[in-house]
């Protein structure tokens, strides 16, 4: 059987106008198209915090480099001010604050 792809539990916080944003959905788009199936995503809690998942609650993000894409909960795009890209590896447990407009 194939070796499972390494995954990492990753959390973070989304900020908008300097405040926690509880109305954002994030998608992490793999920079390398050879990364496994599933696109890591998260929905912020009311306090702006999130935990990345892939298929269902409780899973985590495969190692790799990702572009951060954000939208509000009605589906309208939000511009990611920083960081636009993140890398997840065996040492990543928390992403820097993701700032959106």
C-alpha atoms as a PDB file:
ATOM      1  CA  UNK A   1       0.000   0.000   0.000  1.00  0.00           C
ATOM      2  CA  UNK A   2       1.147   3.592  -0.610  1.00  0.00           C
ATOM      3  CA  UNK A   3       2.666   5.537   2.262  1.00  0.00           C
ATOM      4  CA  UNK A   4       0.188   8.089   3.660  1.00  0.00           C
ATOM      5  CA  UNK A   5       1.025  11.695   2.886  1.00  0.00           C
ATOM      6  CA  UNK A   6       2.330  13.517   5.988  1.00  0.00           C
ATOM      7  CA  UNK A   7      -0.172  15.985   7.426  1.00  0.00           C
ATOM      8  CA  UNK A   8       0.081  18.671  10.053  1.00  0.00           C
ATOM      9  CA  UNK A   9      -2.503  20.172  12.416  1.00  0.00           C
ATOM     10  CA  UNK A  10      -2.481  23.898  11.615  1.00  0.00           C
ATOM     11  CA  UNK A  11      -4.374  26.773  13.198  1.00  0.00           C
ATOM     12  CA  UNK A  12      -4.361  30.540  12.763  1.00  0.00           C
ATOM     13  CA  UNK A  13      -6.318  33.770  12.855  1.00  0.00           C
ATOM     14  CA  UNK A  14      -7.819  36.044  10.185  1.00  0.00           C
ATOM     15  CA  UNK A  15      -7.743  39.816  10.669  1.00  0.00           C
ATOM     16  CA  UNK A  16      -9.745  42.438   8.763  1.00  0.00           C
ATOM     17  CA  UNK A  17      -9.308  46.140   9.496  1.00  0.00           C
ATOM     18  CA  UNK A  18      -7.044  45.169  12.405  1.00  0.00           C
ATOM     19  CA  UNK A  19      -9.728  43.051  14.098  1.00  0.00           C
ATOM     20  CA  UNK A  20     -10.476  39.334  14.213  1.00  0.00           C
ATOM     21  CA  UNK A  21     -12.756  38.371  11.314  1.00  0.00           C
ATOM     22  CA  UNK A  22     -15.309  35.670  12.006  1.00  0.00           C
ATOM     23  CA  UNK A  23     -16.845  35.713   8.525  1.00  0.00           C
ATOM     24  CA  UNK A  24     -14.148  34.340   6.217  1.00  0.00           C
ATOM     25  CA  UNK A  25     -13.553  31.045   4.479  1.00  0.00           C
ATOM     26  CA  UNK A  26      -9.976  30.222   3.481  1.00  0.00           C
ATOM     27  CA  UNK A  27      -8.744  27.826   0.820  1.00  0.00           C
ATOM     28  CA  UNK A  28      -5.136  26.756   0.492  1.00  0.00           C
ATOM     29  CA  UNK A  29      -4.369  26.140  -3.179  1.00  0.00           C
ATOM     30  CA  UNK A  30      -1.359  23.844  -3.688  1.00  0.00           C
ATOM     31  CA  UNK A  31       1.537  25.583  -5.432  1.00  0.00           C
ATOM     32  CA  UNK A  32       2.666  22.154  -6.667  1.00  0.00           C
ATOM     33  CA  UNK A  33       0.020  20.401  -8.742  1.00  0.00           C
ATOM     34  CA  UNK A  34       1.450  17.000  -7.760  1.00  0.00           C
ATOM     35  CA  UNK A  35       0.256  17.357  -4.164  1.00  0.00           C
ATOM     36  CA  UNK A  36      -2.371  14.825  -3.151  1.00  0.00           C
ATOM     37  CA  UNK A  37      -6.149  15.121  -3.476  1.00  0.00           C
ATOM     38  CA  UNK A  38      -8.212  17.517  -1.455  1.00  0.00           C
ATOM     39  CA  UNK A  39      -7.780  21.226  -0.919  1.00  0.00           C
ATOM     40  CA  UNK A  40      -7.130  22.374   2.637  1.00  0.00           C
ATOM     41  CA  UNK A  41      -9.721  24.871   3.839  1.00  0.00           C
ATOM     42  CA  UNK A  42     -11.016  26.564   6.968  1.00  0.00           C
ATOM     43  CA  UNK A  43     -13.912  28.696   8.120  1.00  0.00           C
ATOM     44  CA  UNK A  44     -13.219  31.254  10.800  1.00  0.00           C
ATOM     45  CA  UNK A  45     -14.837  31.143  14.213  1.00  0.00           C
ATOM     46  CA  UNK A  46     -16.465  34.335  15.587  1.00  0.00           C
ATOM     47  CA  UNK A  47     -13.108  35.283  17.186  1.00  0.00           C
ATOM     48  CA  UNK A  48     -11.276  34.978  13.826  1.00  0.00           C
ATOM     49  CA  UNK A  49      -9.499  31.727  14.682  1.00  0.00           C
ATOM     50  CA  UNK A  50      -9.502  28.706  12.398  1.00  0.00           C
ATOM     51  CA  UNK A  51      -8.177  25.165  12.048  1.00  0.00           C
ATOM     52  CA  UNK A  52      -7.263  23.843   8.606  1.00  0.00           C
ATOM     53  CA  UNK A  53      -9.063  20.709   7.417  1.00  0.00           C
ATOM     54  CA  UNK A  54      -9.129  18.755   4.152  1.00  0.00           C
ATOM     55  CA  UNK A  55     -12.135  16.459   3.826  1.00  0.00           C
ATOM     56  CA  UNK A  56     -13.925  16.638   7.154  1.00  0.00           C
ATOM     57  CA  UNK A  57     -13.507  18.197  10.587  1.00  0.00           C
ATOM     58  CA  UNK A  58     -10.463  16.949  12.454  1.00  0.00           C
ATOM     59  CA  UNK A  59      -8.154  16.276   9.532  1.00  0.00           C
ATOM     60  CA  UNK A  60      -5.242  18.548   8.851  1.00  0.00           C
ATOM     61  CA  UNK A  61      -3.166  19.955   6.011  1.00  0.00           C
ATOM     62  CA  UNK A  62      -0.711  17.955   3.908  1.00  0.00           C
ATOM     63  CA  UNK A  63       2.835  19.295   3.860  1.00  0.00           C
ATOM     64  CA  UNK A  64       3.525  21.683   1.007  1.00  0.00           C
ATOM     65  CA  UNK A  65       3.448  25.253  -0.240  1.00  0.00           C
ATOM     66  CA  UNK A  66       0.081  26.938  -0.741  1.00  0.00           C
ATOM     67  CA  UNK A  67      -1.419  30.153  -2.044  1.00  0.00           C
ATOM     68  CA  UNK A  68      -3.964  31.581   0.412  1.00  0.00           C
ATOM     69  CA  UNK A  69      -7.385  32.418  -1.095  1.00  0.00           C
ATOM     70  CA  UNK A  70     -10.146  34.044   0.965  1.00  0.00           C
ATOM     71  CA  UNK A  71     -13.820  34.817   0.530  1.00  0.00           C
ATOM     72  CA  UNK A  72     -16.537  36.014   2.838  1.00  0.00           C
ATOM     73  CA  UNK A  73     -19.246  33.580   3.874  1.00  0.00           C
ATOM     74  CA  UNK A  74     -21.569  34.782   1.116  1.00  0.00           C
ATOM     75  CA  UNK A  75     -18.954  33.768  -1.474  1.00  0.00           C
ATOM     76  CA  UNK A  76     -17.615  37.223  -2.396  1.00  0.00           C
ATOM     77  CA  UNK A  77     -13.816  37.252  -2.789  1.00  0.00           C
ATOM     78  CA  UNK A  78     -11.672  38.935  -0.173  1.00  0.00           C
ATOM     79  CA  UNK A  79      -8.218  40.179  -1.000  1.00  0.00           C
ATOM     80  CA  UNK A  80      -5.459  38.492   1.018  1.00  0.00           C
ATOM     81  CA  UNK A  81      -3.043  41.242   2.027  1.00  0.00           C
ATOM     82  CA  UNK A  82      -0.541  38.959   3.787  1.00  0.00           C
ATOM     83  CA  UNK A  83       0.736  36.314   3.739  1.00  0.00           C
ATOM     84  CA  UNK A  84      -0.227  35.397   0.170  1.00  0.00           C
ATOM     85  CA  UNK A  85       1.658  32.084   0.398  1.00  0.00           C
ATOM     86  CA  UNK A  86       2.258  29.709   3.285  1.00  0.00           C
ATOM     87  CA  UNK A  87       4.384  26.608   3.712  1.00  0.00           C
ATOM     88  CA  UNK A  88       3.215  23.745   5.899  1.00  0.00           C
ATOM     89  CA  UNK A  89       5.782  21.232   7.121  1.00  0.00           C
ATOM     90  CA  UNK A  90       6.469  19.125  10.196  1.00  0.00           C
ATOM     91  CA  UNK A  91       7.276  22.257  12.243  1.00  0.00           C
ATOM     92  CA  UNK A  92       4.176  24.284  11.278  1.00  0.00           C
ATOM     93  CA  UNK A  93       1.454  24.382  13.920  1.00  0.00           C
ATOM     94  CA  UNK A  94       0.219  27.971  13.612  1.00  0.00           C
ATOM     95  CA  UNK A  95       0.175  30.257  10.593  1.00  0.00           C
ATOM     96  CA  UNK A  96       0.983  33.955  10.951  1.00  0.00           C
ATOM     97  CA  UNK A  97      -2.143  36.145  11.069  1.00  0.00           C
ATOM     98  CA  UNK A  98      -3.821  36.238   7.656  1.00  0.00           C
ATOM     99  CA  UNK A  99      -4.836  39.797   6.834  1.00  0.00           C
ATOM    100  CA  UNK A 100      -7.759  40.283   4.422  1.00  0.00           C
ATOM    101  CA  UNK A 101      -9.638  43.237   2.926  1.00  0.00           C
END
